[in-house]
């Protein structure tokens, strides 16, 4: 009789180098969805709880004005990817762009609107970067000591 094979223990994930709350700015043809600015307010509150910056993520073509709006609505920083290839929302190019930003700059939290576009982007980015996702949440909070959702 052989002994049962145990699965290797999973290494604990280290998020100590992650910092900040991001809000994905959803728009159509350069017109921001109002929910993006509402989320920026929620993001600001969360960021204050964990003593971190709140940033906006703006993707598209000719959308610099949305970066300026995000600052006006309270973003400390804006990650702007302005490229003609992003003129219209398409899942793969948008997911790839956001995933690269997430992997490079390592936010603690990324918020997306609970819309068809936002949910699509969130689920795709979650799959690409293999992160935790809280979808369609109506209320979330942060543990200020640990910085976890």
Protein backbone atom coordinates (compact mmCIF):
# COMPACT_ATOMS: atom_id res chain seq x y z
CA UNK A 1 0.00 0.00 0.00
CA UNK A 2 1.38 3.38 -0.93
CA UNK A 3 1.03 6.53 1.09
CA UNK A 4 -1.32 9.19 -0.29
CA UNK A 5 0.39 11.89 -2.27
CA UNK A 6 0.00 15.33 -0.78
CA UNK A 7 -0.32 18.38 -2.95
CA UNK A 8 2.55 20.82 -2.53
CA UNK A 9 1.73 23.70 -0.23
CA UNK A 10 0.99 26.93 -2.04
CA UNK A 11 3.42 29.71 -1.31
CA UNK A 12 1.89 32.67 0.46
CA UNK A 13 1.36 35.56 -1.89
CA UNK A 14 3.35 38.67 -1.07
CA UNK A 15 1.64 41.94 -1.88
CA UNK A 16 3.98 44.13 0.16
CA UNK A 17 5.15 45.96 -2.96
CA UNK A 18 1.59 46.81 -4.06
CA UNK A 19 0.32 50.30 -3.41
CA UNK A 20 -2.74 52.29 -4.31
CA UNK A 21 -6.33 52.17 -5.43
CA UNK A 22 -7.09 52.40 -9.13
CA UNK A 23 -10.33 53.23 -10.89
CA UNK A 24 -10.87 52.13 -14.46
CA UNK A 25 -12.46 55.03 -16.35
CA UNK A 26 -15.12 53.66 -18.64
CA UNK A 27 -16.08 55.77 -21.64
CA UNK A 28 -17.69 55.66 -25.03
CA UNK A 29 -16.26 57.82 -27.82
CA UNK A 30 -14.40 59.95 -25.29
CA UNK A 31 -17.44 60.60 -23.07
CA UNK A 32 -16.86 59.23 -19.58
CA UNK A 33 -19.53 57.13 -17.95
CA UNK A 34 -20.68 59.05 -14.83
CA UNK A 35 -20.21 55.89 -12.77
CA UNK A 36 -16.46 56.25 -13.31
CA UNK A 37 -16.44 59.52 -11.40
CA UNK A 38 -18.64 58.01 -8.68
CA UNK A 39 -16.15 55.16 -8.33
CA UNK A 40 -13.33 57.66 -8.10
CA UNK A 41 -15.01 59.09 -5.00
CA UNK A 42 -15.32 55.60 -3.49
CA UNK A 43 -11.71 54.92 -4.47
CA UNK A 44 -10.60 58.11 -2.75
CA UNK A 45 -12.26 56.98 0.50
CA UNK A 46 -10.66 53.54 0.27
CA UNK A 47 -7.24 55.00 -0.52
CA UNK A 48 -7.43 57.24 2.54
CA UNK A 49 -8.20 54.20 4.72
CA UNK A 50 -4.98 52.51 3.64
CA UNK A 51 -2.93 55.71 3.27
CA UNK A 52 -2.38 55.21 -0.45
CA UNK A 53 -2.87 57.23 -3.63
CA UNK A 54 -5.95 56.89 -5.81
CA UNK A 55 -5.31 56.69 -9.53
CA UNK A 56 -7.41 56.59 -12.66
CA UNK A 57 -6.77 54.30 -15.62
CA UNK A 58 -7.76 55.84 -18.95
CA UNK A 59 -7.49 53.90 -22.20
CA UNK A 60 -8.55 54.96 -25.66
CA UNK A 61 -7.67 57.24 -28.53
CA UNK A 62 -7.66 61.02 -28.15
CA UNK A 63 -8.70 60.72 -24.49
CA UNK A 64 -6.22 63.00 -22.75
CA UNK A 65 -9.18 65.18 -21.72
CA UNK A 66 -10.45 62.23 -19.63
CA UNK A 67 -7.14 62.15 -17.77
CA UNK A 68 -7.61 65.84 -16.98
CA UNK A 69 -11.19 65.16 -15.84
CA UNK A 70 -9.99 62.33 -13.60
CA UNK A 71 -7.61 64.71 -11.85
CA UNK A 72 -10.44 67.21 -11.45
CA UNK A 73 -12.59 64.46 -9.89
CA UNK A 74 -9.90 63.62 -7.33
CA UNK A 75 -7.36 61.24 -8.85
CA UNK A 76 -3.82 61.71 -7.57
CA UNK A 77 -2.39 60.08 -10.70
CA UNK A 78 -3.62 58.95 -14.08
CA UNK A 79 -2.31 56.00 -16.07
CA UNK A 80 -3.09 57.03 -19.64
CA UNK A 81 -2.75 54.76 -22.65
CA UNK A 82 -3.72 56.85 -25.65
CA UNK A 83 -3.39 54.82 -28.82
CA UNK A 84 -5.39 54.67 -32.08
CA UNK A 85 -5.64 50.88 -31.62
CA UNK A 86 -7.82 51.60 -28.58
CA UNK A 87 -10.28 53.91 -30.36
CA UNK A 88 -13.15 51.46 -29.74
CA UNK A 89 -13.48 49.11 -26.80
CA UNK A 90 -12.34 45.60 -27.66
CA UNK A 91 -11.72 43.10 -24.92
CA UNK A 92 -8.25 41.82 -25.77
CA UNK A 93 -6.42 45.10 -26.48
CA UNK A 94 -7.96 46.79 -23.45
CA UNK A 95 -7.28 43.83 -21.16
CA UNK A 96 -3.70 43.59 -22.36
CA UNK A 97 -3.08 47.31 -21.76
CA UNK A 98 -4.56 47.27 -18.26
CA UNK A 99 -2.82 44.01 -17.36
CA UNK A 100 0.55 45.48 -18.34
CA UNK A 101 -0.11 48.51 -16.15
CA UNK A 102 -1.18 46.33 -13.21
CA UNK A 103 1.87 44.09 -13.52
CA UNK A 104 4.23 47.06 -13.76
CA UNK A 105 2.78 49.41 -11.13
CA UNK A 106 1.12 46.89 -8.76
CA UNK A 107 -1.96 48.53 -7.27
CA UNK A 108 -3.61 47.06 -4.19
CA UNK A 109 -7.09 47.43 -5.64
CA UNK A 110 -8.55 48.06 -9.11
CA UNK A 111 -12.20 49.11 -9.32
CA UNK A 112 -14.42 48.70 -12.37
CA UNK A 113 -17.98 49.86 -12.89
CA UNK A 114 -20.70 47.23 -12.60
CA UNK A 115 -21.70 47.61 -16.23
CA UNK A 116 -21.38 45.26 -19.18
CA UNK A 117 -18.19 47.03 -20.31
CA UNK A 118 -16.76 47.25 -16.77
CA UNK A 119 -17.55 43.64 -15.91
CA UNK A 120 -16.07 42.41 -19.17
CA UNK A 121 -12.87 44.37 -18.58
CA UNK A 122 -12.63 43.28 -14.94
CA UNK A 123 -13.11 39.56 -15.59
CA UNK A 124 -10.64 39.62 -18.46
CA UNK A 125 -8.00 41.49 -16.46
CA UNK A 126 -8.58 39.16 -13.52
CA UNK A 127 -7.82 36.19 -15.75
CA UNK A 128 -4.71 37.80 -17.23
CA UNK A 129 -3.10 38.98 -13.98
CA UNK A 130 -4.56 36.22 -11.78
CA UNK A 131 -5.81 38.55 -9.08
CA UNK A 132 -8.76 38.49 -6.73
CA UNK A 133 -11.91 40.07 -8.07
CA UNK A 134 -14.93 41.47 -6.29
CA UNK A 135 -17.50 41.85 -9.05
CA UNK A 136 -20.83 43.63 -8.82
CA UNK A 137 -20.16 44.65 -5.22
CA UNK A 138 -22.57 47.08 -3.65
CA UNK A 139 -20.49 47.76 -0.58
CA UNK A 140 -16.84 47.04 0.12
CA UNK A 141 -14.40 48.15 2.75
CA UNK A 142 -10.70 47.89 3.46
CA UNK A 143 -8.94 46.51 6.50
CA UNK A 144 -6.72 49.53 7.28
CA UNK A 145 -4.09 47.41 9.05
CA UNK A 146 -3.70 44.79 6.32
CA UNK A 147 -4.88 46.85 3.35
CA UNK A 148 -7.08 43.99 2.15
CA UNK A 149 -10.55 44.33 0.69
